Amino acid sequence: MLTNPCSGLLQGGEPYLRDVAARRGTSPAKAARLRTLLEEGDTAAGSRPAADVPFRDCGTMAGAV
């Protein structure tokens, strides 16, 4: 999921990716890329999407972490 977080988002892994981005042990560069990806998804959805609303614009978001 961390190799291709976009795929993880489409499979419902948003809570896990948010947790990884907030963890103390996550490298600053990886955390920043995850936060950017998640913020772009939030913006594309208008707000934080519900579990049953996937990140439909995932292909246009930032690349893999």
C-alpha atoms as a PDB file:
ATOM      1  CA  MET A   1       0.000   0.000   0.000  1.00  0.00           C
ATOM      2  CA  LEU A   2       2.884   2.370   0.672  1.00  0.00           C
ATOM      3  CA  THR A   3       4.487   1.553  -2.675  1.00  0.00           C
ATOM      4  CA  ASN A   4       1.360   2.700  -4.490  1.00  0.00           C
ATOM      5  CA  PRO A   5      -0.820   4.666  -2.060  1.00  0.00           C
ATOM      6  CA  CYS A   6      -3.209   5.624  -4.845  1.00  0.00           C
ATOM      7  CA  SER A   7      -4.148   1.963  -5.183  1.00  0.00           C
ATOM      8  CA  GLY A   8      -4.497   1.754  -1.411  1.00  0.00           C
ATOM      9  CA  LEU A   9      -6.919   4.676  -1.427  1.00  0.00           C
ATOM     10  CA  LEU A  10      -9.055   3.012  -4.069  1.00  0.00           C
ATOM     11  CA  GLN A  11      -9.152  -0.134  -1.937  1.00  0.00           C
ATOM     12  CA  GLY A  12     -10.273   1.684   1.216  1.00  0.00           C
ATOM     13  CA  GLY A  13      -6.899   2.228   2.863  1.00  0.00           C
ATOM     14  CA  GLU A  14      -7.325   5.934   3.537  1.00  0.00           C
ATOM     15  CA  PRO A  15      -7.360   5.600   7.359  1.00  0.00           C
ATOM     16  CA  TYR A  16      -4.141   3.558   7.274  1.00  0.00           C
ATOM     17  CA  LEU A  17      -2.397   6.035   4.968  1.00  0.00           C
ATOM     18  CA  ARG A  18      -3.488   8.943   7.187  1.00  0.00           C
ATOM     19  CA  ASP A  19      -2.059   7.065  10.172  1.00  0.00           C
ATOM     20  CA  VAL A  20       1.254   6.415   8.400  1.00  0.00           C
ATOM     21  CA  ALA A  21       1.497  10.085   7.386  1.00  0.00           C
ATOM     22  CA  ALA A  22       1.044  11.115  11.027  1.00  0.00           C
ATOM     23  CA  ARG A  23       3.434   8.554  12.571  1.00  0.00           C
ATOM     24  CA  ARG A  24       6.568   9.786  14.242  1.00  0.00           C
ATOM     25  CA  GLY A  25       8.750   7.161  12.497  1.00  0.00           C
ATOM     26  CA  THR A  26       7.651   7.952   8.938  1.00  0.00           C
ATOM     27  CA  SER A  27      10.311   9.787   6.942  1.00  0.00           C
ATOM     28  CA  PRO A  28       9.458  13.466   6.458  1.00  0.00           C
ATOM     29  CA  ALA A  29       9.566  13.133   2.660  1.00  0.00           C
ATOM     30  CA  LYS A  30       7.225  10.123   2.615  1.00  0.00           C
ATOM     31  CA  ALA A  31       4.846  11.768   5.107  1.00  0.00           C
ATOM     32  CA  ALA A  32       4.738  14.945   2.996  1.00  0.00           C
ATOM     33  CA  ARG A  33       3.939  12.993  -0.179  1.00  0.00           C
ATOM     34  CA  LEU A  34       1.200  11.041   1.599  1.00  0.00           C
ATOM     35  CA  ARG A  35      -0.315  14.232   3.038  1.00  0.00           C
ATOM     36  CA  THR A  36      -0.263  15.834  -0.423  1.00  0.00           C
ATOM     37  CA  LEU A  37      -1.980  12.818  -1.957  1.00  0.00           C
ATOM     38  CA  LEU A  38      -4.611  12.760   0.794  1.00  0.00           C
ATOM     39  CA  GLU A  39      -5.201  16.527   0.573  1.00  0.00           C
ATOM     40  CA  GLU A  40      -5.635  16.305  -3.194  1.00  0.00           C
ATOM     41  CA  GLY A  41      -8.178  13.543  -2.659  1.00  0.00           C
ATOM     42  CA  ASP A  42     -10.018  15.626  -0.074  1.00  0.00           C
ATOM     43  CA  THR A  43     -10.091  18.586  -2.457  1.00  0.00           C
ATOM     44  CA  ALA A  44     -11.255  16.459  -5.394  1.00  0.00           C
ATOM     45  CA  ALA A  45     -14.068  14.999  -3.293  1.00  0.00           C
ATOM     46  CA  GLY A  46     -15.093  18.371  -1.858  1.00  0.00           C
ATOM     47  CA  SER A  47     -14.475  17.086   1.659  1.00  0.00           C
ATOM     48  CA  ARG A  48     -13.100  13.999   3.292  1.00  0.00           C
ATOM     49  CA  PRO A  49     -14.821  11.130   1.470  1.00  0.00           C
ATOM     50  CA  ALA A  50     -16.843   8.481   3.221  1.00  0.00           C
ATOM     51  CA  ALA A  51     -15.530   4.915   3.225  1.00  0.00           C
ATOM     52  CA  ASP A  52     -17.826   3.981   0.343  1.00  0.00           C
ATOM     53  CA  VAL A  53     -16.748   6.915  -1.850  1.00  0.00           C
ATOM     54  CA  PRO A  54     -13.351   6.082  -3.387  1.00  0.00           C
ATOM     55  CA  PHE A  55     -10.821   8.580  -4.654  1.00  0.00           C
ATOM     56  CA  ARG A  56     -12.075   8.623  -8.234  1.00  0.00           C
ATOM     57  CA  ASP A  57      -9.434  11.078  -9.461  1.00  0.00           C
ATOM     58  CA  CYS A  58      -6.585   8.987  -8.113  1.00  0.00           C
ATOM     59  CA  GLY A  59      -4.938   8.729 -11.513  1.00  0.00           C
ATOM     60  CA  THR A  60      -4.450  12.492 -11.602  1.00  0.00           C
ATOM     61  CA  MET A  61      -2.986  12.782  -8.104  1.00  0.00           C
ATOM     62  CA  ALA A  62       0.642  12.772  -7.013  1.00  0.00           C
ATOM     63  CA  GLY A  63       2.756   9.741  -7.880  1.00  0.00           C
ATOM     64  CA  ALA A  64       3.645   6.795  -5.718  1.00  0.00           C
ATOM     65  CA  VAL A  65       5.392   7.340  -2.444  1.00  0.00           C
END
